[in-house]
Protein backbone atom coordinates (compact mmCIF):
# COMPACT_ATOMS: atom_id res chain seq x y z
CA MET A 1 136.40 69.88 148.87
CA ALA A 2 134.39 72.41 150.45
CA VAL A 3 130.49 73.20 149.38
CA ALA A 4 129.03 76.24 149.39
CA THR A 5 125.58 77.03 150.32
CA ALA A 6 123.60 80.16 150.61
CA PRO A 7 122.53 81.54 153.74
CA ASP A 8 118.77 80.89 153.06
CA GLY A 9 119.70 77.27 152.68
CA ASP A 10 118.90 77.29 148.86
CA GLY A 11 121.55 74.46 148.33
CA TYR A 12 119.62 72.29 150.45
CA ALA A 13 115.78 73.44 149.52
CA SER A 14 113.66 71.17 146.82
CA GLY A 15 114.30 71.97 143.08
CA THR A 16 110.98 71.50 142.17
CA SER A 17 108.28 74.34 142.74
CA TRP A 18 105.23 71.98 142.41
CA GLY A 19 102.63 74.83 143.13
CA ALA A 20 104.31 76.66 139.82
CA ILE A 21 104.01 72.97 137.92
CA LEU A 22 100.23 72.39 139.24
CA ALA A 23 99.13 76.00 137.94
CA GLY A 24 100.59 75.47 134.73
CA ALA A 25 99.32 71.96 134.09
CA ALA A 26 95.80 73.22 134.79
CA ALA A 27 96.10 76.39 132.44
CA ALA A 28 97.56 73.49 130.03
CA ALA A 29 94.70 71.14 130.43
CA ALA A 30 92.15 73.55 130.11
CA LEU A 31 93.39 75.23 127.24
CA SER A 32 93.72 71.99 125.34
CA PHE A 33 90.52 70.72 126.54
CA ILE A 34 88.80 74.04 125.17
CA LEU A 35 90.89 73.98 121.98
CA LEU A 36 89.75 70.00 121.34
CA ILE A 37 86.02 71.23 121.91
CA LEU A 38 86.67 74.14 119.52
CA GLY A 39 88.07 71.65 116.77
CA VAL A 40 84.94 69.23 117.07
CA GLY A 41 82.95 72.28 116.68
CA LEU A 42 84.86 73.86 113.86
CA GLY A 43 84.79 70.20 111.89
CA LEU A 44 88.42 70.50 111.94
CA SER A 45 89.14 67.42 113.84
CA SER A 46 86.90 64.68 115.91
CA VAL A 47 89.73 63.09 117.25
CA SER A 48 92.37 63.66 120.62
CA PRO A 49 95.99 62.90 120.82
CA TYR A 50 94.95 61.45 124.41
CA GLN A 51 93.00 58.88 122.79
CA TYR A 52 93.65 55.77 120.29
CA ASN A 53 91.21 56.12 117.26
CA ALA A 54 91.20 54.57 113.86
CA THR A 55 90.09 57.27 112.02
CA PRO A 56 92.64 58.62 109.25
CA LEU A 57 93.84 61.86 110.08
CA GLY A 58 93.68 64.57 107.04
CA SER A 59 95.87 67.53 107.23
CA ALA A 60 93.30 69.86 108.57
CA SER A 61 93.07 67.39 111.95
CA VAL A 62 96.87 66.99 112.13
CA GLY A 63 97.37 70.87 112.19
CA TRP A 64 94.51 71.35 114.49
CA ILE A 65 96.00 68.83 117.20
CA ALA A 66 99.72 70.20 116.77
CA PHE A 67 98.51 73.63 117.40
CA THR A 68 96.58 72.69 120.44
CA GLN A 69 99.56 71.16 121.62
CA LEU A 70 101.73 74.16 120.63
CA ALA A 71 99.19 76.79 122.40
CA ALA A 72 98.37 74.46 125.84
CA ALA A 73 102.02 73.27 126.33
CA GLY A 74 103.47 76.77 125.77
CA VAL A 75 101.08 78.66 127.91
CA GLY A 76 101.51 76.02 130.48
CA GLY A 77 105.27 75.62 130.65
CA TYR A 78 105.60 79.35 130.75
CA MET A 79 103.37 79.95 133.74
CA ALA A 80 105.24 77.20 135.35
CA GLY A 81 108.33 78.68 134.49
CA ARG A 82 107.43 82.50 135.56
CA LEU A 83 105.74 81.39 138.51
CA ARG A 84 108.36 79.24 139.88
CA VAL A 85 110.39 80.58 142.93
CA LYS A 86 113.51 82.69 142.71
CA TRP A 87 116.62 80.38 142.84
CA ALA A 88 119.21 83.20 144.03
CA ALA A 89 122.04 81.00 145.05
CA ILE A 90 121.83 78.43 142.18
CA HIS A 91 124.03 78.37 139.18
CA GLY A 92 123.04 79.58 135.60
CA ASP A 93 123.47 75.90 134.52
CA GLU A 94 121.40 74.31 136.93
CA VAL A 95 118.77 77.21 136.62
CA TYR A 96 118.29 76.21 133.29
CA PHE A 97 117.56 72.67 134.16
CA ARG A 98 115.41 73.05 136.43
CA ASP A 99 113.27 75.36 134.33
CA THR A 100 113.38 72.64 131.59
CA ALA A 101 112.34 69.94 134.17
CA HIS A 102 109.69 72.11 135.24
CA GLY A 103 108.10 72.23 131.76
CA LEU A 104 108.77 68.93 131.11
CA LEU A 105 106.82 67.91 134.59
CA THR A 106 103.84 70.30 133.62
CA TRP A 107 103.20 68.78 130.05
CA ALA A 108 103.16 65.46 131.69
CA VAL A 109 100.89 66.18 134.79
CA ALA A 110 98.63 68.46 132.13
CA THR A 111 98.43 65.50 129.59
CA LEU A 112 97.80 62.88 132.44
CA VAL A 113 94.90 65.30 133.84
CA THR A 114 93.67 65.58 130.10
CA VAL A 115 93.51 61.85 129.74
CA ALA A 116 91.44 61.52 132.65
CA VAL A 117 88.79 64.50 132.08
CA LEU A 118 88.61 62.73 128.31
CA ALA A 119 88.04 59.22 129.87
CA GLY A 120 85.45 60.45 132.10
CA GLY A 121 83.39 63.91 132.40
CA ALA A 122 84.38 65.40 128.80
CA ARG A 123 82.34 62.22 127.84
CA ALA A 124 79.18 63.97 128.73
CA VAL A 125 80.54 67.06 126.47
CA PHE A 126 80.94 64.91 123.37
CA SER A 127 77.60 62.79 124.13
CA GLY A 128 75.90 63.97 121.30
CA ALA A 129 78.54 62.96 118.89
CA ILE A 130 79.06 59.68 120.30
CA ASP A 131 75.48 58.77 120.28
CA SER A 132 75.26 59.87 116.71
CA GLY A 133 78.27 57.79 115.99
CA ALA A 134 76.30 54.88 117.96
CA ALA A 135 73.37 55.19 115.67
CA VAL A 136 74.94 55.25 112.73
CA ALA A 137 77.33 52.25 114.14
CA THR A 138 74.14 50.85 114.77
CA ALA A 139 72.12 51.39 111.60
CA ALA A 140 75.21 49.83 109.69
CA ALA A 141 74.86 46.85 111.65
CA THR A 142 71.21 46.50 111.09
CA ALA A 143 71.66 46.91 107.56
CA VAL A 144 74.59 44.17 106.92
CA ALA A 145 72.49 41.05 108.05
CA PRO A 146 69.48 42.15 105.82
CA ALA A 147 71.83 42.41 102.82
CA ALA A 148 73.39 39.01 103.30
CA GLY A 149 69.73 37.73 103.76
CA ARG A 150 68.71 39.33 100.75
CA ALA A 151 71.98 38.13 98.65
CA ASN A 152 71.31 34.19 99.64
CA THR A 153 67.62 35.01 99.12
CA TYR A 154 68.48 35.77 95.68
CA PHE A 155 70.64 32.53 95.09
CA ALA A 156 67.52 30.63 96.77
CA ASP A 157 65.32 32.38 93.87
CA MET A 158 67.90 31.51 91.11
CA LEU A 159 67.77 27.79 92.09
CA LEU A 160 64.01 27.53 92.37
CA ARG A 161 63.30 29.52 89.49
CA SER A 162 60.51 28.15 87.26
CA PRO A 163 59.67 28.89 83.86
CA ASP A 164 55.90 29.86 84.45
CA GLY A 165 57.38 32.48 86.64
CA GLU A 166 55.88 31.19 89.99
CA VAL A 167 57.27 32.58 93.06
CA ALA A 168 58.74 30.25 95.61
CA SER A 169 57.36 30.41 99.23
CA GLU A 170 59.14 31.92 101.84
CA SER A 171 59.52 28.44 103.63
CA GLN A 172 61.64 26.81 100.56
CA ARG A 173 63.33 29.92 100.66
CA ASN A 174 64.51 30.08 104.40
CA GLU A 175 65.54 26.30 103.69
CA ILE A 176 67.52 26.82 100.95
CA ASN A 177 69.30 29.68 102.52
CA ARG A 178 70.30 27.69 105.81
CA ILE A 179 71.49 24.72 103.40
CA LEU A 180 73.76 27.55 101.30
CA LEU A 181 74.74 29.37 104.51
CA THR A 182 76.11 25.84 105.96
CA ASP A 183 77.56 24.46 102.99
CA LEU A 184 79.30 27.97 102.32
CA ALA A 185 80.72 27.83 105.59
CA SER A 186 82.30 24.27 105.27
CA GLY A 187 83.67 25.54 102.23
CA LYS A 188 81.84 23.19 99.54
CA ILE A 189 78.64 21.30 98.95
CA ASN A 190 77.20 18.76 101.00
CA GLY A 191 76.52 15.51 98.59
CA GLY A 192 73.16 14.75 100.49
CA ASP A 193 72.31 18.61 99.92
CA ARG A 194 73.13 18.80 96.29
CA ALA A 195 70.99 15.71 95.45
CA TYR A 196 68.39 17.29 97.99
CA LEU A 197 68.12 20.61 95.98
CA ALA A 198 68.50 18.85 92.47
CA GLN A 199 65.36 17.23 93.51
CA LEU A 200 63.49 20.21 94.65
CA ILE A 201 64.62 21.91 91.38
CA ALA A 202 63.13 19.07 89.49
CA LYS A 203 59.95 19.01 91.09
CA ARG A 204 59.53 22.55 90.94
CA THR A 205 60.48 23.08 87.03
CA GLY A 206 60.36 19.76 85.41
CA MET A 207 64.19 19.63 84.78
CA ALA A 208 66.07 16.39 84.76
CA GLN A 209 67.80 15.55 87.52
CA ALA A 210 70.90 15.82 85.98
CA ASP A 211 70.26 19.46 84.72
CA ALA A 212 69.03 20.21 88.17
CA GLU A 213 72.35 19.03 89.83
CA GLN A 214 74.08 21.46 87.02
CA ARG A 215 71.86 24.45 87.94
CA VAL A 216 72.92 23.45 92.06
CA ASP A 217 76.79 23.43 90.89
CA LEU A 218 76.37 26.76 88.91
CA ILE A 219 74.71 28.38 91.62
CA TYR A 220 76.79 27.24 94.15
CA ALA A 221 79.99 28.20 92.48
CA GLN A 222 78.43 31.87 92.13
CA ALA A 223 77.58 31.77 95.73
CA SER A 224 80.90 31.09 96.96
CA GLN A 225 82.44 33.47 94.58
CA ALA A 226 80.46 35.90 96.40
CA ALA A 227 81.01 35.35 99.47
CA ALA A 228 84.73 35.28 98.82
CA ASP A 229 84.29 38.59 97.21
CA ALA A 230 82.73 39.94 100.39
CA LYS A 231 85.52 38.47 102.71
CA ALA A 232 87.99 40.08 100.83
CA LYS A 233 86.22 43.81 100.91
CA ALA A 234 86.12 43.04 104.46
CA THR A 235 89.73 42.35 104.78
CA ALA A 236 90.86 45.31 102.70
CA ALA A 237 88.62 47.47 104.69
CA ALA A 238 90.62 46.46 107.81
CA GLU A 239 93.73 46.60 106.46
CA GLN A 240 92.47 50.09 105.25
CA ALA A 241 91.33 50.84 108.95
CA ARG A 242 94.81 49.62 110.77
CA VAL A 243 97.25 51.61 108.64
CA ALA A 244 94.98 54.52 109.32
CA ALA A 245 95.27 53.55 112.82
CA ALA A 246 98.89 53.25 112.74
CA HIS A 247 99.09 56.61 110.63
CA SER A 248 97.29 58.54 112.98
CA ALA A 249 99.04 57.14 116.67
CA LEU A 250 102.39 57.88 114.51
CA TRP A 251 100.88 61.90 113.90
CA MET A 252 99.72 61.67 117.73
CA PHE A 253 103.03 60.86 118.92
CA VAL A 254 104.42 63.45 117.08
CA ALA A 255 101.89 66.38 118.10
CA LEU A 256 102.62 65.26 121.89
CA LEU A 257 106.54 65.44 121.60
CA LEU A 258 105.98 68.78 120.19
CA GLY A 259 104.05 69.43 123.41
CA ALA A 260 106.81 68.31 125.56
CA PHE A 261 109.51 69.94 123.60
CA ILE A 262 107.51 73.65 123.47
CA ALA A 263 106.74 73.22 127.54
CA ALA A 264 110.72 72.72 128.11
CA ILE A 265 111.63 75.74 126.09
CA SER A 266 108.66 77.96 127.30
CA ALA A 267 109.14 77.14 131.20
CA ILE A 268 113.11 78.58 130.05
CA ALA A 269 111.51 81.74 128.73
CA GLY A 270 109.18 82.20 131.38
CA GLY A 271 112.25 81.27 134.34
CA ARG A 272 114.37 83.98 132.41
CA HIS A 273 111.50 86.57 132.60
CA ARG A 274 110.42 85.75 135.99
CA ASP A 275 114.56 86.31 137.24
CA HIS A 276 114.51 89.38 135.02
CA ALA A 277 117.39 87.71 132.69
CA ARG A 278 118.69 89.35 129.46
CA VAL A 279 119.86 87.44 126.53
CA ILE A 280 122.43 89.28 124.69
CA ILE A 281 123.53 88.58 121.18
């Protein structure tokens, strides 16, 4: 079977116009980066489809990410199709395939470039937002420990509460805090700790040893319930964050997939314009 080739050797030349692909990818990456910055500035989106983020995406964020992908991938794919060399001796179906491949390659290169930029140089652009977020996280973490300490101090004050209203010393409260924290971590109150705390209460309040032990049991039960509630809230918050991260990842996947499709379609349109093709319906 004879194989027909063009005099210019088009049948043996590479079907990939890397110059056009790189040009389209550069345009797509730059436009995507600019639109992401604009989205942050407008407050529409503080997340990127190129980075993992546990923040739940609202409708405005989803719409902005989709628009970013449509615009960037469309421009990049069209440029790649329009700037590629003309394949004069290639069958129309092959031209169609090559244009589609050029669009996908443009999208892939642009995505990789944007990921690299966001992982490196783009951090300087978002440094203000990142530093603010870090400051908020630090403040929140700093506030958690005192909050836990105040809760344990509250139970210590309940144990040492006396009829005359005398305030317990700081050393006594710290000692009881350490005992409560240790017993709460173990899941039950130690017999020696129970007797020791009852002695402290009896000595401070004049209560009988049996009544002091009942107070210890009651306060320890309340502290255990508070610890269980805090653990349940933390577990619920972690589950909400996991679900939000999963939903965000799915939307980002859809946005990236949409960008790949639009890049391929735009490359076909650009290639047809390059070849002066006309579609007759």
